[in-house]
C-alpha cells in the first residue's frame, strides 16, 4: 500500500515535471520569436535613421566653412 502511494506520487510528479518543461519550451519559443521580431524592427529603424551621404557632406562643408570663417 505504501509502495503504491509512493509510485502514484512519483507518477504525479513526473507528469507535473513534463508539463512544466513543456510550458518552459513554449515560453522560450515565444520569447525567441518576439526577440527576432523586435530585432528586425530595430534594424529597420537604425537603417532609417542613418544620415544620408549628401547630408553628411553638407554638414561637413558647413563645419569647414564655419571654422574658416572664425580663423
Protein backbone atom coordinates (compact mmCIF):
# COMPACT_ATOMS: atom_id res chain seq x y z
CA UNK A 1 0.00 0.00 0.00
CA UNK A 2 2.80 2.38 0.93
CA UNK A 3 4.63 1.42 -2.27
CA UNK A 4 1.54 2.16 -4.35
CA UNK A 5 1.20 5.59 -2.76
CA UNK A 6 4.82 6.41 -3.47
CA UNK A 7 4.52 5.14 -7.03
CA UNK A 8 1.38 7.20 -7.56
CA UNK A 9 3.05 10.29 -6.09
CA UNK A 10 6.10 9.70 -8.28
CA UNK A 11 3.91 9.45 -11.39
CA UNK A 12 2.13 12.67 -10.47
CA UNK A 13 5.46 14.42 -10.05
CA UNK A 14 6.67 13.11 -13.41
CA UNK A 15 3.53 14.42 -15.11
CA UNK A 16 3.91 17.79 -13.43
CA UNK A 17 7.57 17.91 -14.40
CA UNK A 18 6.72 17.14 -18.02
CA UNK A 19 4.01 19.78 -18.02
CA UNK A 20 6.40 22.40 -16.64
CA UNK A 21 9.08 21.50 -19.18
CA UNK A 22 6.52 21.86 -21.94
CA UNK A 23 5.44 25.29 -20.66
CA UNK A 24 9.07 26.42 -20.48
CA UNK A 25 9.69 25.24 -24.03
CA UNK A 26 6.73 27.17 -25.44
CA UNK A 27 7.55 30.30 -23.41
CA UNK A 28 11.12 30.20 -24.71
CA UNK A 29 9.77 29.88 -28.25
CA UNK A 30 7.56 32.94 -27.74
CA UNK A 31 10.46 34.94 -26.32
CA UNK A 32 12.67 33.95 -29.25
CA UNK A 33 10.00 34.99 -31.77
CA UNK A 34 9.46 38.33 -30.05
CA UNK A 35 13.20 38.92 -29.87
CA UNK A 36 13.60 38.20 -33.58
CA UNK A 37 10.68 40.48 -34.44
CA UNK A 38 11.95 43.32 -32.26
CA UNK A 39 15.48 42.79 -33.56
CA UNK A 40 14.24 43.16 -37.15
CA UNK A 41 12.32 46.27 -36.12
CA UNK A 42 15.44 47.77 -34.52
CA UNK A 43 17.49 47.07 -37.66
CA UNK A 44 14.84 48.75 -39.76
CA UNK A 45 14.77 51.81 -37.50
CA UNK A 46 18.56 52.07 -37.42
CA UNK A 47 18.80 51.90 -41.20
CA UNK A 48 16.05 54.54 -41.49
CA UNK A 49 17.86 56.80 -39.03
CA UNK A 50 21.20 56.66 -40.84
CA UNK A 51 22.10 60.07 -42.22
CA UNK A 52 22.14 60.33 -45.96
CA UNK A 53 25.63 60.71 -47.50
CA UNK A 54 24.71 64.05 -49.07
CA UNK A 55 23.57 65.39 -45.73
CA UNK A 56 26.81 64.27 -44.10
CA UNK A 57 28.83 66.03 -46.83
CA UNK A 58 26.82 69.23 -46.43
CA UNK A 59 27.24 69.21 -42.67
CA UNK A 60 30.96 68.66 -43.09
CA UNK A 61 31.21 71.55 -45.55
CA UNK A 62 29.18 73.76 -43.22
CA UNK A 63 31.52 72.95 -40.33
CA UNK A 64 34.55 73.62 -42.52
CA UNK A 65 33.13 76.98 -43.61
CA UNK A 66 32.38 77.95 -40.02
CA UNK A 67 35.93 77.08 -38.96
CA UNK A 68 37.49 79.02 -41.83
CA UNK A 69 35.21 81.98 -41.08
CA UNK A 70 36.45 82.11 -37.48
CA UNK A 71 40.12 81.95 -38.48
